[in-house]
Amino acid sequence: MSKNIDFSRIDRFVVENIEKTFPGASLAIYKRGEKIYEKVYGYSEIVPERRKVQEDTIFDLASLTTRQDSSFRAWYIL
């Protein structure tokens, strides 16, 4: 993973949107096929109990609208 790239802007973006839109997320950024950044945020479930997102969490994609919109906004920032 890349140690000399500042991902703080992307990190802030994800944290701010998690608070408004969804309980958790998993982020992986690749460059030329190599993973250069990976981080998990928030919770994968909040009912019946809170479960923190793990790197191998599989999300329920019952509503794709939010995720597609967020994906576009993240791409746009870059």
Protein backbone atom coordinates (compact mmCIF):
# COMPACT_ATOMS: atom_id res chain seq x y z
CA MET A 1 0.00 0.00 0.00
CA SER A 2 1.14 3.50 -0.78
CA LYS A 3 2.54 5.39 2.19
CA ASN A 4 3.28 8.71 0.49
CA ILE A 5 -0.22 9.65 -0.80
CA ASP A 6 -2.50 11.76 1.39
CA PHE A 7 -5.95 10.16 1.48
CA SER A 8 -7.33 12.48 4.18
CA ARG A 9 -9.69 14.27 1.77
CA ILE A 10 -11.26 11.01 0.64
CA ASP A 11 -11.40 9.80 4.23
CA ARG A 12 -13.26 12.96 5.32
CA PHE A 13 -15.67 12.63 2.40
CA VAL A 14 -16.58 9.05 3.34
CA VAL A 15 -16.94 9.83 7.06
CA GLU A 16 -19.19 12.86 6.37
CA ASN A 17 -21.42 10.86 4.03
CA ILE A 18 -21.68 7.89 6.35
CA GLU A 19 -23.09 10.17 9.03
CA LYS A 20 -25.79 11.44 6.60
CA THR A 21 -26.53 8.52 4.31
CA PHE A 22 -25.61 5.02 5.44
CA PRO A 23 -24.25 3.24 8.51
CA GLY A 24 -21.01 1.92 7.03
CA ALA A 25 -18.71 1.50 4.06
CA SER A 26 -15.65 -0.28 2.78
CA LEU A 27 -13.20 1.60 0.58
CA ALA A 28 -10.43 0.20 -1.59
CA ILE A 29 -8.43 2.26 -4.08
CA TYR A 30 -6.39 0.59 -6.79
CA LYS A 31 -3.78 2.04 -9.09
CA ARG A 32 -2.56 -0.03 -12.03
CA GLY A 33 -3.98 -3.16 -10.43
CA GLU A 34 -2.27 -2.62 -7.07
CA LYS A 35 -4.26 -1.80 -3.95
CA ILE A 36 -2.90 1.51 -2.66
CA TYR A 37 -5.45 2.26 0.07
CA GLU A 38 -8.03 0.33 2.07
CA LYS A 39 -10.19 1.38 4.98
CA VAL A 40 -13.49 0.37 6.58
CA TYR A 41 -15.96 2.73 8.23
CA GLY A 42 -18.93 2.46 10.55
CA TYR A 43 -21.31 -0.46 10.88
CA SER A 44 -22.52 -3.19 8.55
CA GLU A 45 -25.65 -3.70 10.64
CA ILE A 46 -27.38 -1.53 13.18
CA VAL A 47 -30.45 -3.71 13.86
CA PRO A 48 -30.80 -5.96 15.86
CA GLU A 49 -27.28 -5.13 17.06
CA ARG A 50 -24.41 -2.96 15.84
CA ARG A 51 -21.70 -4.81 13.95
CA LYS A 52 -18.58 -2.98 12.83
CA VAL A 53 -17.59 -3.20 9.18
CA GLN A 54 -14.69 -5.60 8.57
CA GLU A 55 -12.49 -5.85 5.47
CA ASP A 56 -14.39 -8.97 4.39
CA THR A 57 -17.92 -7.65 5.12
CA ILE A 58 -20.54 -8.46 2.50
CA PHE A 59 -23.09 -5.66 2.27
CA ASP A 60 -26.81 -6.07 1.56
CA LEU A 61 -27.41 -4.07 -1.61
CA ALA A 62 -31.16 -3.71 -1.19
CA SER A 63 -30.96 -0.07 -2.29
CA LEU A 64 -28.41 0.61 -5.00
CA THR A 65 -29.30 4.28 -5.52
CA THR A 66 -27.31 5.57 -2.56
CA ARG A 67 -24.26 3.50 -3.36
CA GLN A 68 -24.22 4.48 -7.04
CA ASP A 69 -24.59 8.15 -6.18
CA SER A 70 -21.80 7.95 -3.60
CA SER A 71 -19.55 6.06 -6.02
CA PHE A 72 -19.97 8.79 -8.60
CA ARG A 73 -19.26 11.54 -6.07
CA ALA A 74 -16.12 9.76 -4.87
CA TRP A 75 -14.94 9.32 -8.45
CA TYR A 76 -15.68 12.98 -9.16
CA ILE A 77 -13.53 14.16 -6.22
CA LEU A 78 -10.52 12.30 -7.59
